[in-house]
Amino acid sequence: MSPAIPSEIPTLRRLGDRTPATGEPMTGEAIRALRERAHVSQAVFARYLNLTVGYVSQLERGAKRPTGPALVLLNLIRRKGIEAIL
């Protein structure tokens, strides 16, 4: 027998039409400021976000804009600090 699922626990069925978590767009300057505020190198920041160093560099230069999970994590760091993902 499987235990009953309490009604307060969200399931995919109960989520309905809610959109997935997204974040505010971020500029390269804002991303660099986040990294510098955390006192980490691009290599360490990339490791924390599971990105390549080259991609972090492109983000900071504004050559690319973060999307998807990277954008969500960057917004989480902006709101709660780097400790939120460690």
C-alpha atoms as a PDB file:
ATOM      1  CA  MET A   1       0.000   0.000   0.000  1.00  0.00           C
ATOM      2  CA  SER A   2       1.268   3.440  -0.834  1.00  0.00           C
ATOM      3  CA  PRO A   3       0.663   6.275   1.595  1.00  0.00           C
ATOM      4  CA  ALA A   4      -1.804   8.965   0.576  1.00  0.00           C
ATOM      5  CA  ILE A   5      -0.288  12.190  -0.720  1.00  0.00           C
ATOM      6  CA  PRO A   6      -1.228  15.154   1.456  1.00  0.00           C
ATOM      7  CA  SER A   7      -3.128  17.823  -0.467  1.00  0.00           C
ATOM      8  CA  GLU A   8      -0.653  20.593   0.434  1.00  0.00           C
ATOM      9  CA  ILE A   9       2.226  18.929  -1.443  1.00  0.00           C
ATOM     10  CA  PRO A  10       2.400  20.295  -4.990  1.00  0.00           C
ATOM     11  CA  THR A  11       2.356  17.705  -7.744  1.00  0.00           C
ATOM     12  CA  LEU A  12       2.512  18.154 -11.499  1.00  0.00           C
ATOM     13  CA  ARG A  13      -1.200  17.539 -11.659  1.00  0.00           C
ATOM     14  CA  ARG A  14      -1.879  20.368  -9.204  1.00  0.00           C
ATOM     15  CA  LEU A  15       0.498  22.864 -10.810  1.00  0.00           C
ATOM     16  CA  GLY A  16      -1.847  23.397 -13.723  1.00  0.00           C
ATOM     17  CA  ASP A  17      -0.932  26.188 -16.101  1.00  0.00           C
ATOM     18  CA  ARG A  18       1.677  27.827 -13.905  1.00  0.00           C
ATOM     19  CA  THR A  19       4.750  28.800 -15.846  1.00  0.00           C
ATOM     20  CA  PRO A  20       8.134  27.449 -14.832  1.00  0.00           C
ATOM     21  CA  ALA A  21      10.473  29.565 -12.742  1.00  0.00           C
ATOM     22  CA  THR A  22      12.186  32.273 -14.754  1.00  0.00           C
ATOM     23  CA  GLY A  23      14.204  35.269 -13.815  1.00  0.00           C
ATOM     24  CA  GLU A  24      14.700  38.904 -14.579  1.00  0.00           C
ATOM     25  CA  PRO A  25      17.045  39.522 -17.518  1.00  0.00           C
ATOM     26  CA  MET A  26      20.583  40.345 -16.410  1.00  0.00           C
ATOM     27  CA  THR A  27      23.297  42.429 -18.020  1.00  0.00           C
ATOM     28  CA  GLY A  28      26.922  41.391 -18.237  1.00  0.00           C
ATOM     29  CA  GLU A  29      27.831  44.097 -15.739  1.00  0.00           C
ATOM     30  CA  ALA A  30      25.299  42.738 -13.236  1.00  0.00           C
ATOM     31  CA  ILE A  31      26.652  39.196 -13.631  1.00  0.00           C
ATOM     32  CA  ARG A  32      30.223  40.379 -13.122  1.00  0.00           C
ATOM     33  CA  ALA A  33      29.117  42.340 -10.030  1.00  0.00           C
ATOM     34  CA  LEU A  34      27.493  39.189  -8.584  1.00  0.00           C
ATOM     35  CA  ARG A  35      30.693  37.225  -9.088  1.00  0.00           C
ATOM     36  CA  GLU A  36      32.894  39.952  -7.643  1.00  0.00           C
ATOM     37  CA  ARG A  37      30.575  40.392  -4.641  1.00  0.00           C
ATOM     38  CA  ALA A  38      31.024  36.659  -3.975  1.00  0.00           C
ATOM     39  CA  HIS A  39      34.832  37.117  -4.221  1.00  0.00           C
ATOM     40  CA  VAL A  40      35.297  34.217  -6.656  1.00  0.00           C
ATOM     41  CA  SER A  41      37.077  33.821  -9.974  1.00  0.00           C
ATOM     42  CA  GLN A  42      35.293  33.128 -13.245  1.00  0.00           C
ATOM     43  CA  ALA A  43      36.439  29.504 -13.004  1.00  0.00           C
ATOM     44  CA  VAL A  44      34.949  29.028  -9.530  1.00  0.00           C
ATOM     45  CA  PHE A  45      31.742  30.856 -10.484  1.00  0.00           C
ATOM     46  CA  ALA A  46      31.422  28.653 -13.566  1.00  0.00           C
ATOM     47  CA  ARG A  47      31.863  25.523 -11.445  1.00  0.00           C
ATOM     48  CA  TYR A  48      29.175  26.672  -8.984  1.00  0.00           C
ATOM     49  CA  LEU A  49      26.737  27.261 -11.866  1.00  0.00           C
ATOM     50  CA  ASN A  50      27.800  24.146 -13.816  1.00  0.00           C
ATOM     51  CA  LEU A  51      28.835  26.312 -16.786  1.00  0.00           C
ATOM     52  CA  THR A  52      32.046  26.661 -18.760  1.00  0.00           C
ATOM     53  CA  VAL A  53      34.493  29.441 -18.004  1.00  0.00           C
ATOM     54  CA  GLY A  54      34.138  30.612 -21.607  1.00  0.00           C
ATOM     55  CA  TYR A  55      30.374  30.935 -21.234  1.00  0.00           C
ATOM     56  CA  VAL A  56      30.731  32.938 -18.005  1.00  0.00           C
ATOM     57  CA  SER A  57      33.208  35.199 -19.793  1.00  0.00           C
ATOM     58  CA  GLN A  58      30.765  35.681 -22.682  1.00  0.00           C
ATOM     59  CA  LEU A  59      27.978  36.494 -20.231  1.00  0.00           C
ATOM     60  CA  GLU A  60      30.088  39.093 -18.439  1.00  0.00           C
ATOM     61  CA  ARG A  61      31.154  40.712 -21.730  1.00  0.00           C
ATOM     62  CA  GLY A  62      27.548  40.832 -22.908  1.00  0.00           C
ATOM     63  CA  ALA A  63      28.273  38.600 -25.906  1.00  0.00           C
ATOM     64  CA  LYS A  64      25.591  36.187 -24.673  1.00  0.00           C
ATOM     65  CA  ARG A  65      22.562  36.565 -22.425  1.00  0.00           C
ATOM     66  CA  PRO A  66      21.760  33.954 -19.793  1.00  0.00           C
ATOM     67  CA  THR A  67      18.648  31.837 -20.291  1.00  0.00           C
ATOM     68  CA  GLY A  68      16.952  28.884 -18.654  1.00  0.00           C
ATOM     69  CA  PRO A  69      18.517  27.353 -15.555  1.00  0.00           C
ATOM     70  CA  ALA A  70      21.527  29.688 -15.660  1.00  0.00           C
ATOM     71  CA  LEU A  71      19.252  32.735 -15.522  1.00  0.00           C
ATOM     72  CA  VAL A  72      17.237  31.254 -12.664  1.00  0.00           C
ATOM     73  CA  LEU A  73      20.402  30.509 -10.662  1.00  0.00           C
ATOM     74  CA  LEU A  74      21.838  33.963 -11.310  1.00  0.00           C
ATOM     75  CA  ASN A  75      18.621  35.577 -10.074  1.00  0.00           C
ATOM     76  CA  LEU A  76      18.684  33.348  -7.001  1.00  0.00           C
ATOM     77  CA  ILE A  77      22.255  34.490  -6.293  1.00  0.00           C
ATOM     78  CA  ARG A  78      21.204  38.111  -6.803  1.00  0.00           C
ATOM     79  CA  ARG A  79      18.349  37.734  -4.292  1.00  0.00           C
ATOM     80  CA  LYS A  80      19.940  35.501  -1.651  1.00  0.00           C
ATOM     81  CA  GLY A  81      23.685  35.520  -2.226  1.00  0.00           C
ATOM     82  CA  ILE A  82      26.067  32.845  -3.445  1.00  0.00           C
ATOM     83  CA  GLU A  83      25.484  30.821  -0.270  1.00  0.00           C
ATOM     84  CA  ALA A  84      22.032  29.884  -1.586  1.00  0.00           C
ATOM     85  CA  ILE A  85      23.537  27.530  -4.164  1.00  0.00           C
ATOM     86  CA  LEU A  86      26.443  26.114  -2.175  1.00  0.00           C
END
